[in-house]
């Protein structure tokens, strides 16, 4: 089981990459789109979901537009807009934003801690309802929130796919009870470092719980690629995690 498919046999599709300049890149970190594409080509990643540094560190509205300008015309990349709650009027209304992202086949990422807001209903409920209506996936790094807040968000918006990024190796006691209750919870496989942990999750909850991610340019893609390639999983499970699950979510569940 899991011995037939090699690295180049899988269609890798990344849920978590960033382009654009920011305030303090390290020497080894790239900022340009061409460099991201070069890394993808070197390891056989077919494409991915990309957000822009401007939207993360400066202005979500300006950064989202800059993202479209930079990746426009590239059929291998999908836009990941950075979103804010509606009340301050810094972005288009949530319904308009969600409809545009859905039309582009993209997703939305949020940075509530960095951008100083809460994922609670009183603050972000209108945004989440719009994303849920259009089945737009929401990406959130675990350091930007906490498990109680994520649990409440999952319960309030059961048709909104939520992809939690940046999990670590001691998370199963959080994830397992949430997976028992919420089918709309997904985890980036990149940093899920539980020893031999992917196999029991797939056996109990199905391979649909994971999506492949790199966190480029913060991290490198070799580790997560190897972890999945050599996992003791059926080949079809590997194909889903490598790219099939994310493509399905970005299509609104139609693929």
Protein backbone atom coordinates (compact mmCIF):
# COMPACT_ATOMS: atom_id res chain seq x y z
CA UNK A 1 0.00 0.00 0.00
CA UNK A 2 1.35 3.41 -0.98
CA UNK A 3 4.41 2.02 -2.80
CA UNK A 4 3.38 2.67 -6.41
CA UNK A 5 3.13 6.47 -6.56
CA UNK A 6 6.31 8.54 -6.58
CA UNK A 7 6.89 12.28 -6.14
CA UNK A 8 6.56 13.05 -9.85
CA UNK A 9 3.44 10.89 -10.17
CA UNK A 10 1.41 13.13 -7.87
CA UNK A 11 -0.13 16.45 -8.90
CA UNK A 12 0.99 18.78 -6.12
CA UNK A 13 -1.20 21.85 -5.59
CA UNK A 14 -0.14 24.25 -2.84
CA UNK A 15 -2.62 25.87 -0.43
CA UNK A 16 -0.16 28.27 1.18
CA UNK A 17 2.33 30.46 -0.70
CA UNK A 18 3.13 34.17 -0.65
CA UNK A 19 4.66 36.62 -3.11
CA UNK A 20 5.59 40.29 -2.83
CA UNK A 21 8.01 42.35 -0.81
CA UNK A 22 7.65 42.82 2.94
CA UNK A 23 9.55 44.64 5.64
CA UNK A 24 12.07 42.06 6.85
CA UNK A 25 12.74 39.12 4.50
CA UNK A 26 15.66 36.87 5.34
CA UNK A 27 18.40 36.51 2.71
CA UNK A 28 17.20 33.07 1.64
CA UNK A 29 13.57 34.13 1.17
CA UNK A 30 12.29 35.18 -2.24
CA UNK A 31 9.76 37.95 -2.89
CA UNK A 32 9.12 37.69 -6.63
CA UNK A 33 6.60 35.57 -8.50
CA UNK A 34 9.25 34.22 -10.86
CA UNK A 35 11.15 32.78 -7.91
CA UNK A 36 8.06 31.02 -6.55
CA UNK A 37 7.45 29.50 -9.97
CA UNK A 38 11.08 28.40 -10.16
CA UNK A 39 10.76 26.56 -6.83
CA UNK A 40 7.52 24.96 -7.98
CA UNK A 41 9.17 23.79 -11.17
CA UNK A 42 12.20 22.40 -9.34
CA UNK A 43 10.13 20.09 -7.13
CA UNK A 44 7.21 19.34 -9.44
CA UNK A 45 4.46 21.46 -7.88
CA UNK A 46 1.86 22.24 -10.56
CA UNK A 47 0.51 25.44 -9.00
CA UNK A 48 -1.19 26.80 -5.95
CA UNK A 49 -3.09 29.32 -3.94
CA UNK A 50 -1.15 32.56 -3.46
CA UNK A 51 -1.57 35.66 -1.30
CA UNK A 52 0.40 38.91 -1.41
CA UNK A 53 2.70 40.36 1.25
CA UNK A 54 1.13 43.80 0.87
CA UNK A 55 -2.24 42.37 1.92
CA UNK A 56 -0.68 40.66 4.93
CA UNK A 57 1.56 43.48 6.17
CA UNK A 58 0.08 46.70 4.80
CA UNK A 59 -3.32 47.02 3.09
CA UNK A 60 -5.52 44.00 2.35
CA UNK A 61 -7.44 45.89 -0.33
CA UNK A 62 -4.34 47.18 -2.14
CA UNK A 63 -2.52 43.89 -1.69
CA UNK A 64 -5.37 41.87 -3.19
CA UNK A 65 -5.43 44.05 -6.28
CA UNK A 66 -1.66 43.84 -6.57
CA UNK A 67 -1.92 40.06 -6.34
CA UNK A 68 -4.31 39.92 -9.29
CA UNK A 69 -2.02 42.18 -11.30
CA UNK A 70 0.97 39.91 -10.67
CA UNK A 71 -0.61 36.48 -11.18
CA UNK A 72 -3.06 37.48 -13.92
CA UNK A 73 -2.81 35.23 -16.95
CA UNK A 74 -1.14 32.38 -15.05
CA UNK A 75 -3.53 29.45 -15.21
CA UNK A 76 -1.57 27.53 -12.57
CA UNK A 77 -2.16 30.01 -9.72
CA UNK A 78 -5.30 30.90 -7.79
CA UNK A 79 -5.77 34.12 -5.78
CA UNK A 80 -6.03 34.04 -2.01
CA UNK A 81 -7.49 37.38 -0.93
CA UNK A 82 -6.82 38.71 2.57
CA UNK A 83 -10.10 39.80 4.16
CA UNK A 84 -11.26 42.05 6.99
CA UNK A 85 -14.61 42.36 8.78
CA UNK A 86 -17.06 44.71 7.09
CA UNK A 87 -17.65 47.42 9.70
CA UNK A 88 -14.76 49.77 8.89
CA UNK A 89 -15.48 49.74 5.16
CA UNK A 90 -11.86 49.09 4.19
CA UNK A 91 -12.88 46.52 1.58
CA UNK A 92 -15.87 45.87 -0.68
CA UNK A 93 -18.93 44.52 1.16
CA UNK A 94 -18.54 40.87 2.16
CA UNK A 95 -21.08 39.61 -0.36
CA UNK A 96 -19.26 41.40 -3.18
CA UNK A 97 -15.87 40.17 -1.98
CA UNK A 98 -17.03 36.56 -1.63
CA UNK A 99 -18.71 36.57 -5.05
CA UNK A 100 -15.54 37.89 -6.70
CA UNK A 101 -13.30 35.33 -5.02
CA UNK A 102 -15.70 32.54 -5.96
CA UNK A 103 -15.73 33.68 -9.58
CA UNK A 104 -11.92 33.64 -9.61
CA UNK A 105 -11.82 30.13 -8.12
CA UNK A 106 -9.84 31.38 -5.14
CA UNK A 107 -9.99 31.52 -1.36
CA UNK A 108 -9.76 33.99 1.51
CA UNK A 109 -7.13 34.23 4.23
CA UNK A 110 -7.48 36.15 7.48
CA UNK A 111 -4.98 37.55 9.99
CA UNK A 112 -7.20 38.53 12.94
CA UNK A 113 -4.39 38.82 15.50
CA UNK A 114 -2.07 40.83 13.29
CA UNK A 115 -4.88 43.00 11.91
CA UNK A 116 -6.52 43.49 15.32
CA UNK A 117 -9.97 41.95 15.11
CA UNK A 118 -11.81 38.84 16.31
CA UNK A 119 -13.36 35.85 14.55
CA UNK A 120 -16.36 36.10 16.89
CA UNK A 121 -19.80 36.56 15.32
CA UNK A 122 -20.19 40.10 16.67
CA UNK A 123 -17.12 41.13 14.67
CA UNK A 124 -16.85 38.87 11.62
CA UNK A 125 -20.16 37.06 11.29
CA UNK A 126 -21.24 39.01 8.21
CA UNK A 127 -17.98 38.18 6.42
CA UNK A 128 -18.22 34.49 7.27
CA UNK A 129 -21.87 34.26 6.20
CA UNK A 130 -20.94 35.63 2.78
CA UNK A 131 -18.05 33.17 2.41
CA UNK A 132 -20.31 30.34 3.52
CA UNK A 133 -22.98 31.28 0.99
CA UNK A 134 -20.46 31.07 -1.85
CA UNK A 135 -18.57 28.05 -0.39
CA UNK A 136 -15.34 30.06 -0.36
CA UNK A 137 -12.59 28.35 1.68
CA UNK A 138 -11.19 30.33 4.61
CA UNK A 139 -7.52 29.95 5.60
CA UNK A 140 -6.29 30.79 9.08
CA UNK A 141 -2.92 30.20 10.77
CA UNK A 142 -3.36 28.75 14.23
CA UNK A 143 -1.16 31.50 15.73
CA UNK A 144 -3.74 34.05 14.55
CA UNK A 145 -6.53 32.61 16.73
CA UNK A 146 -7.19 29.78 19.19
CA UNK A 147 -9.02 26.45 19.17
CA UNK A 148 -12.08 27.67 21.09
CA UNK A 149 -12.61 30.49 18.60
CA UNK A 150 -12.11 28.12 15.67
CA UNK A 151 -14.60 25.64 17.16
CA UNK A 152 -17.21 28.38 17.49
CA UNK A 153 -16.60 29.53 13.91
CA UNK A 154 -16.95 25.98 12.57
CA UNK A 155 -20.21 25.48 14.44
CA UNK A 156 -21.69 28.80 13.33
CA UNK A 157 -20.77 28.31 9.64
CA UNK A 158 -20.89 24.58 8.83
CA UNK A 159 -20.83 25.11 5.04
CA UNK A 160 -17.70 27.30 5.07
CA UNK A 161 -14.55 25.21 4.57
CA UNK A 162 -11.93 26.24 7.14
CA UNK A 163 -8.29 25.31 6.48
CA UNK A 164 -6.10 25.67 9.57
CA UNK A 165 -2.46 26.38 8.76
CA UNK A 166 0.68 26.02 10.82
CA UNK A 167 -0.41 23.20 13.12
CA UNK A 168 2.31 21.36 14.96
CA UNK A 169 3.03 17.92 16.41
CA UNK A 170 0.89 18.06 19.57
CA UNK A 171 -2.53 18.87 18.14
CA UNK A 172 -4.48 15.61 17.94
CA UNK A 173 -6.32 16.22 21.21
CA UNK A 174 -7.64 19.42 19.68
CA UNK A 175 -8.22 18.14 16.16
CA UNK A 176 -9.85 14.77 16.81
CA UNK A 177 -12.85 16.10 18.77
CA UNK A 178 -13.27 18.89 16.23
CA UNK A 179 -13.14 16.43 13.33
CA UNK A 180 -15.76 14.31 15.10
CA UNK A 181 -18.12 17.28 15.08
CA UNK A 182 -17.25 19.34 11.99
CA UNK A 183 -16.90 18.13 8.42
CA UNK A 184 -15.82 21.61 7.31
CA UNK A 185 -12.44 21.50 9.12
CA UNK A 186 -9.29 20.90 7.08
CA UNK A 187 -5.63 21.02 8.06
CA UNK A 188 -2.53 21.96 6.09
CA UNK A 189 -0.41 18.81 6.06
CA UNK A 190 2.86 20.76 5.87
CA UNK A 191 3.52 21.23 9.60
CA UNK A 192 1.29 18.46 10.93
CA UNK A 193 4.27 16.75 12.54
CA UNK A 194 2.57 13.97 14.50
CA UNK A 195 4.77 10.88 14.11
CA UNK A 196 2.98 8.51 11.72
CA UNK A 197 -0.06 10.70 12.32
CA UNK A 198 -1.46 11.07 8.79
CA UNK A 199 -2.30 7.38 8.46
CA UNK A 200 -4.62 7.08 11.51
CA UNK A 201 -6.37 10.34 10.61
CA UNK A 202 -7.08 9.03 7.12
CA UNK A 203 -8.27 5.69 8.51
CA UNK A 204 -10.68 7.31 10.96
CA UNK A 205 -11.82 10.53 9.26
CA UNK A 206 -10.81 10.03 5.62
CA UNK A 207 -8.05 11.57 3.49
CA UNK A 208 -10.23 14.61 2.83
CA UNK A 209 -9.12 16.18 6.13
CA UNK A 210 -5.70 17.24 4.79
CA UNK A 211 -4.55 19.64 2.09
CA UNK A 212 -0.99 20.03 0.86
CA UNK A 213 0.84 23.27 1.65
CA UNK A 214 4.38 24.62 1.56
CA UNK A 215 4.29 27.96 3.45
CA UNK A 216 6.72 29.33 0.86
CA UNK A 217 8.83 31.43 1.20
CA UNK A 218 8.89 30.95 5.00
CA UNK A 219 9.49 27.19 4.78
CA UNK A 220 10.64 24.80 2.07
CA UNK A 221 8.59 22.18 0.23
CA UNK A 222 10.80 19.08 0.46
CA UNK A 223 9.67 17.96 3.90
CA UNK A 224 5.90 17.90 3.28
CA UNK A 225 6.39 16.34 -0.16
CA UNK A 226 8.49 13.52 1.30
CA UNK A 227 6.17 13.00 4.26
CA UNK A 228 3.18 12.36 2.03
CA UNK A 229 5.06 10.46 -0.69
CA UNK A 230 6.37 7.90 1.80
CA UNK A 231 3.26 7.69 3.97
CA UNK A 232 1.67 4.25 4.20
CA UNK A 233 -1.48 5.29 2.39
CA UNK A 234 -3.36 4.10 -0.69
CA UNK A 235 -2.28 5.95 -3.80
CA UNK A 236 -5.71 7.53 -4.19
CA UNK A 237 -5.44 9.02 -0.68
CA UNK A 238 -2.09 10.55 -1.61
CA UNK A 239 -3.58 12.06 -4.77
CA UNK A 240 -6.37 13.68 -2.79
CA UNK A 241 -4.03 15.20 -0.21
CA UNK A 242 -1.45 16.31 -2.78
CA UNK A 243 -3.95 18.36 -4.75
CA UNK A 244 -7.36 16.82 -5.22
CA UNK A 245 -8.84 18.03 -1.93
CA UNK A 246 -7.81 21.65 -2.47
CA UNK A 247 -9.00 21.72 -6.07
CA UNK A 248 -12.37 20.39 -4.92
CA UNK A 249 -12.67 23.07 -2.24
CA UNK A 250 -11.73 25.85 -4.66
CA UNK A 251 -14.42 24.66 -7.06
CA UNK A 252 -17.06 24.99 -4.35
CA UNK A 253 -17.11 21.21 -3.85
CA UNK A 254 -18.09 20.51 -7.47
CA UNK A 255 -14.97 18.53 -8.49
